[in-house]
């Protein structure tokens, strides 16, 4: 009887903790993908600016 009460109390706690960890992992994966996208966009913008300046000089 005591074991079932302990499981009833602990099981929802564990389930909520595990689901929050998965949610945070998903957020970090999305953040990493967005960060990579931003870095690539900035690099492309810098290359485009350098190419335009080189065309104007010649």
PDB file of N, CA and C in Angstrom:
ATOM      1  N   UNK A   1       0.825  -1.194   0.000  1.00  0.00           N
ATOM      2  CA  UNK A   1       0.000   0.000   0.000  1.00  0.00           C
ATOM      3  C   UNK A   1       0.870   1.258   0.000  1.00  0.00           C
ATOM      4  N   UNK A   2       1.921   1.273   0.799  1.00  0.00           N
ATOM      5  CA  UNK A   2       2.785   2.454   0.848  1.00  0.00           C
ATOM      6  C   UNK A   2       3.538   2.636  -0.466  1.00  0.00           C
ATOM      7  N   UNK A   3       3.929   1.533  -1.072  1.00  0.00           N
ATOM      8  CA  UNK A   3       4.654   1.618  -2.338  1.00  0.00           C
ATOM      9  C   UNK A   3       3.794   2.262  -3.419  1.00  0.00           C
ATOM     10  N   UNK A   4       2.537   1.916  -3.472  1.00  0.00           N
ATOM     11  CA  UNK A   4       1.661   2.503  -4.491  1.00  0.00           C
ATOM     12  C   UNK A   4       1.472   4.001  -4.252  1.00  0.00           C
ATOM     13  N   UNK A   5       1.411   4.435  -3.001  1.00  0.00           N
ATOM     14  CA  UNK A   5       1.288   5.865  -2.708  1.00  0.00           C
ATOM     15  C   UNK A   5       2.546   6.614  -3.135  1.00  0.00           C
ATOM     16  N   UNK A   6       3.685   6.004  -2.885  1.00  0.00           N
ATOM     17  CA  UNK A   6       4.945   6.632  -3.283  1.00  0.00           C
ATOM     18  C   UNK A   6       5.021   6.743  -4.803  1.00  0.00           C
ATOM     19  N   UNK A   7       4.612   5.683  -5.495  1.00  0.00           N
ATOM     20  CA  UNK A   7       4.634   5.719  -6.961  1.00  0.00           C
ATOM     21  C   UNK A   7       3.660   6.762  -7.503  1.00  0.00           C
ATOM     22  N   UNK A   8       2.515   6.893  -6.880  1.00  0.00           N
ATOM     23  CA  UNK A   8       1.535   7.882  -7.318  1.00  0.00           C
ATOM     24  C   UNK A   8       2.091   9.295  -7.159  1.00  0.00           C
ATOM     25  N   UNK A   9       2.882   9.522  -6.149  1.00  0.00           N
ATOM     26  CA  UNK A   9       3.455  10.848  -5.936  1.00  0.00           C
ATOM     27  C   UNK A   9       4.679  11.105  -6.810  1.00  0.00           C
ATOM     28  N   UNK A  10       5.503  10.099  -6.982  1.00  0.00           N
ATOM     29  CA  UNK A  10       6.770  10.288  -7.690  1.00  0.00           C
ATOM     30  C   UNK A  10       6.610  10.207  -9.207  1.00  0.00           C
ATOM     31  N   UNK A  11       5.736   9.361  -9.684  1.00  0.00           N
ATOM     32  CA  UNK A  11       5.597   9.157 -11.127  1.00  0.00           C
ATOM     33  C   UNK A  11       5.230  10.436 -11.880  1.00  0.00           C
ATOM     34  N   UNK A  12       4.232  11.218 -11.448  1.00  0.00           N
ATOM     35  CA  UNK A  12       3.953  12.470 -12.182  1.00  0.00           C
ATOM     36  C   UNK A  12       5.127  13.453 -12.141  1.00  0.00           C
ATOM     37  N   UNK A  13       5.840  13.468 -11.028  1.00  0.00           N
ATOM     38  CA  UNK A  13       7.006  14.349 -10.929  1.00  0.00           C
ATOM     39  C   UNK A  13       8.065  13.951 -11.945  1.00  0.00           C
ATOM     40  N   UNK A  14       8.358  12.673 -12.032  1.00  0.00           N
ATOM     41  CA  UNK A  14       9.358  12.208 -12.997  1.00  0.00           C
ATOM     42  C   UNK A  14       8.909  12.465 -14.427  1.00  0.00           C
ATOM     43  N   UNK A  15       7.634  12.262 -14.695  1.00  0.00           N
ATOM     44  CA  UNK A  15       7.128  12.485 -16.049  1.00  0.00           C
ATOM     45  C   UNK A  15       7.239  13.959 -16.438  1.00  0.00           C
ATOM     46  N   UNK A  16       6.961  14.841 -15.514  1.00  0.00           N
ATOM     47  CA  UNK A  16       7.050  16.261 -15.841  1.00  0.00           C
ATOM     48  C   UNK A  16       8.500  16.693 -16.021  1.00  0.00           C
ATOM     49  N   UNK A  17       9.399  16.131 -15.241  1.00  0.00           N
ATOM     50  CA  UNK A  17      10.814  16.486 -15.379  1.00  0.00           C
ATOM     51  C   UNK A  17      11.383  15.983 -16.697  1.00  0.00           C
ATOM     52  N   UNK A  18      11.036  14.774 -17.077  1.00  0.00           N
ATOM     53  CA  UNK A  18      11.562  14.220 -18.313  1.00  0.00           C
ATOM     54  C   UNK A  18      11.013  14.964 -19.525  1.00  0.00           C
ATOM     55  N   UNK A  19       9.757  15.319 -19.506  1.00  0.00           N
ATOM     56  CA  UNK A  19       9.202  16.026 -20.656  1.00  0.00           C
ATOM     57  C   UNK A  19       9.808  17.423 -20.783  1.00  0.00           C
ATOM     58  N   UNK A  20      10.100  18.068 -19.663  1.00  0.00           N
ATOM     59  CA  UNK A  20      10.712  19.388 -19.745  1.00  0.00           C
ATOM     60  C   UNK A  20      12.132  19.298 -20.284  1.00  0.00           C
ATOM     61  N   UNK A  21      12.828  18.240 -19.963  1.00  0.00           N
ATOM     62  CA  UNK A  21      14.179  18.065 -20.505  1.00  0.00           C
ATOM     63  C   UNK A  21      14.122  17.890 -22.017  1.00  0.00           C
ATOM     64  N   UNK A  22      13.145  17.143 -22.490  1.00  0.00           N
ATOM     65  CA  UNK A  22      13.003  16.956 -23.927  1.00  0.00           C
ATOM     66  C   UNK A  22      12.645  18.275 -24.603  1.00  0.00           C
ATOM     67  N   UNK A  23      11.807  19.062 -23.958  1.00  0.00           N
ATOM     68  CA  UNK A  23      11.424  20.353 -24.540  1.00  0.00           C
ATOM     69  C   UNK A  23      12.630  21.277 -24.634  1.00  0.00           C
ATOM     70  N   UNK A  24      13.446  21.298 -23.597  1.00  0.00           N
ATOM     71  CA  UNK A  24      14.635  22.153 -23.602  1.00  0.00           C
ATOM     72  C   UNK A  24      15.624  21.678 -24.661  1.00  0.00           C
ATOM     73  N   UNK A  25      15.750  20.362 -24.824  1.00  0.00           N
ATOM     74  CA  UNK A  25      16.633  19.833 -25.867  1.00  0.00           C
ATOM     75  C   UNK A  25      16.151  20.276 -27.245  1.00  0.00           C
ATOM     76  N   UNK A  26      14.847  20.268 -27.454  1.00  0.00           N
ATOM     77  CA  UNK A  26      14.299  20.729 -28.730  1.00  0.00           C
ATOM     78  C   UNK A  26      14.563  22.195 -28.968  1.00  0.00           C
ATOM     79  N   UNK A  27      14.460  22.991 -27.915  1.00  0.00           N
ATOM     80  CA  UNK A  27      14.717  24.430 -28.034  1.00  0.00           C
ATOM     81  C   UNK A  27      16.179  24.673 -28.393  1.00  0.00           C
ATOM     82  N   UNK A  28      17.088  23.935 -27.758  1.00  0.00           N
ATOM     83  CA  UNK A  28      18.508  24.121 -28.065  1.00  0.00           C
ATOM     84  C   UNK A  28      18.831  23.688 -29.482  1.00  0.00           C
ATOM     85  N   UNK A  29      18.204  22.611 -29.954  1.00  0.00           N
ATOM     86  CA  UNK A  29      18.435  22.183 -31.334  1.00  0.00           C
ATOM     87  C   UNK A  29      17.944  23.239 -32.313  1.00  0.00           C
ATOM     88  N   UNK A  30      16.767  23.793 -32.048  1.00  0.00           N
ATOM     89  CA  UNK A  30      16.234  24.847 -32.918  1.00  0.00           C
ATOM     90  C   UNK A  30      17.122  26.085 -32.852  1.00  0.00           C
ATOM     91  N   UNK A  31      17.592  26.419 -31.669  1.00  0.00           N
ATOM     92  CA  UNK A  31      18.467  27.576 -31.508  1.00  0.00           C
ATOM     93  C   UNK A  31      19.778  27.398 -32.240  1.00  0.00           C
ATOM     94  N   UNK A  32      20.318  26.199 -32.201  1.00  0.00           N
ATOM     95  CA  UNK A  32      21.572  25.935 -32.896  1.00  0.00           C
ATOM     96  C   UNK A  32      21.372  26.065 -34.402  1.00  0.00           C
ATOM     97  N   UNK A  33      20.272  25.530 -34.907  1.00  0.00           N
ATOM     98  CA  UNK A  33      19.989  25.641 -36.340  1.00  0.00           C
ATOM     99  C   UNK A  33      19.803  27.089 -36.764  1.00  0.00           C
ATOM    100  N   UNK A  34      19.102  27.860 -35.949  1.00  0.00           N
ATOM    101  CA  UNK A  34      18.889  29.280 -36.252  1.00  0.00           C
ATOM    102  C   UNK A  34      20.205  30.042 -36.191  1.00  0.00           C
ATOM    103  N   UNK A  35      21.047  29.709 -35.226  1.00  0.00           N
ATOM    104  CA  UNK A  35      22.351  30.366 -35.110  1.00  0.00           C
ATOM    105  C   UNK A  35      23.230  30.099 -36.314  1.00  0.00           C
ATOM    106  N   UNK A  36      23.232  28.866 -36.768  1.00  0.00           N
ATOM    107  CA  UNK A  36      24.014  28.517 -37.959  1.00  0.00           C
ATOM    108  C   UNK A  36      23.482  29.280 -39.168  1.00  0.00           C
ATOM    109  N   UNK A  37      22.164  29.376 -39.286  1.00  0.00           N
ATOM    110  CA  UNK A  37      21.558  30.119 -40.393  1.00  0.00           C
ATOM    111  C   UNK A  37      21.983  31.584 -40.373  1.00  0.00           C
ATOM    112  N   UNK A  38      21.976  32.191 -39.204  1.00  0.00           N
ATOM    113  CA  UNK A  38      22.356  33.605 -39.076  1.00  0.00           C
ATOM    114  C   UNK A  38      23.825  33.802 -39.453  1.00  0.00           C
ATOM    115  N   UNK A  39      24.700  32.920 -38.991  1.00  0.00           N
ATOM    116  CA  UNK A  39      26.135  33.040 -39.302  1.00  0.00           C
ATOM    117  C   UNK A  39      26.363  32.916 -40.802  1.00  0.00           C
ATOM    118  N   UNK A  40      25.702  31.959 -41.430  1.00  0.00           N
ATOM    119  CA  UNK A  40      25.856  31.786 -42.882  1.00  0.00           C
ATOM    120  C   UNK A  40      25.332  33.020 -43.620  1.00  0.00           C
ATOM    121  N   UNK A  41      24.205  33.571 -43.164  1.00  0.00           N
ATOM    122  CA  UNK A  41      23.648  34.769 -43.807  1.00  0.00           C
ATOM    123  C   UNK A  41      24.602  35.954 -43.678  1.00  0.00           C
ATOM    124  N   UNK A  42      25.226  36.108 -42.530  1.00  0.00           N
ATOM    125  CA  UNK A  42      26.170  37.210 -42.329  1.00  0.00           C
ATOM    126  C   UNK A  42      27.397  37.037 -43.221  1.00  0.00           C
ATOM    127  N   UNK A  43      27.894  35.813 -43.320  1.00  0.00           N
ATOM    128  CA  UNK A  43      29.059  35.558 -44.174  1.00  0.00           C
ATOM    129  C   UNK A  43      28.730  35.854 -45.628  1.00  0.00           C
ATOM    130  N   UNK A  44      27.540  35.453 -46.080  1.00  0.00           N
ATOM    131  CA  UNK A  44      27.129  35.732 -47.461  1.00  0.00           C
ATOM    132  C   UNK A  44      27.002  37.238 -47.687  1.00  0.00           C
ATOM    133  N   UNK A  45      26.471  37.954 -46.709  1.00  0.00           N
ATOM    134  CA  UNK A  45      26.339  39.414 -46.834  1.00  0.00           C
ATOM    135  C   UNK A  45      27.703  40.075 -46.919  1.00  0.00           C
ATOM    136  N   UNK A  46      28.655  39.637 -46.121  1.00  0.00           N
ATOM    137  CA  UNK A  46      30.007  40.211 -46.158  1.00  0.00           C
ATOM    138  C   UNK A  46      30.664  39.939 -47.504  1.00  0.00           C
ATOM    139  N   UNK A  47      30.507  38.734 -48.021  1.00  0.00           N
ATOM    140  CA  UNK A  47      31.088  38.396 -49.331  1.00  0.00           C
ATOM    141  C   UNK A  47      30.460  39.253 -50.418  1.00  0.00           C
ATOM    142  N   UNK A  48      29.130  39.455 -50.349  1.00  0.00           N
ATOM    143  CA  UNK A  48      28.458  40.287 -51.353  1.00  0.00           C
ATOM    144  C   UNK A  48      28.958  41.725 -51.296  1.00  0.00           C
ATOM    145  N   UNK A  49      29.160  42.266 -50.109  1.00  0.00           N
ATOM    146  CA  UNK A  49      29.672  43.635 -49.965  1.00  0.00           C
ATOM    147  C   UNK A  49      31.081  43.753 -50.531  1.00  0.00           C
ATOM    148  N   UNK A  50      31.927  42.782 -50.235  1.00  0.00           N
ATOM    149  CA  UNK A  50      33.306  42.807 -50.745  1.00  0.00           C
ATOM    150  C   UNK A  50      33.309  42.731 -52.268  1.00  0.00           C
ATOM    151  N   UNK A  51      32.468  41.904 -52.845  1.00  0.00           N
ATOM    152  CA  UNK A  51      32.407  41.790 -54.309  1.00  0.00           C
ATOM    153  C   UNK A  51      31.942  43.096 -54.932  1.00  0.00           C
ATOM    154  N   UNK A  52      30.951  43.753 -54.325  1.00  0.00           N
ATOM    155  CA  UNK A  52      30.462  45.036 -54.871  1.00  0.00           C
ATOM    156  C   UNK A  52      31.543  46.113 -54.812  1.00  0.00           C
ATOM    157  N   UNK A  53      32.290  46.172 -53.718  1.00  0.00           N
ATOM    158  CA  UNK A  53      33.357  47.171 -53.614  1.00  0.00           C
ATOM    159  C   UNK A  53      34.465  46.901 -54.625  1.00  0.00           C
ATOM    160  N   UNK A  54      34.763  45.625 -54.849  1.00  0.00           N
ATOM    161  CA  UNK A  54      35.800  45.302 -55.838  1.00  0.00           C
ATOM    162  C   UNK A  54      35.359  45.642 -57.249  1.00  0.00           C
ATOM    163  N   UNK A  55      34.072  45.494 -57.562  1.00  0.00           N
ATOM    164  CA  UNK A  55      33.566  45.847 -58.898  1.00  0.00           C
ATOM    165  C   UNK A  55      33.604  47.365 -59.111  1.00  0.00           C
ATOM    166  N   UNK A  56      33.348  48.126 -58.073  1.00  0.00           N
ATOM    167  CA  UNK A  56      33.336  49.589 -58.203  1.00  0.00           C
ATOM    168  C   UNK A  56      34.749  50.135 -58.379  1.00  0.00           C
ATOM    169  N   UNK A  57      35.737  49.493 -57.807  1.00  0.00           N
ATOM    170  CA  UNK A  57      37.136  49.968 -57.916  1.00  0.00           C
ATOM    171  C   UNK A  57      37.698  49.723 -59.315  1.00  0.00           C
ATOM    172  N   UNK A  58      37.240  48.673 -60.005  1.00  0.00           N
ATOM    173  CA  UNK A  58      37.822  48.377 -61.304  1.00  0.00           C
ATOM    174  C   UNK A  58      37.063  48.931 -62.455  1.00  0.00           C
TER     175      UNK A  58
END
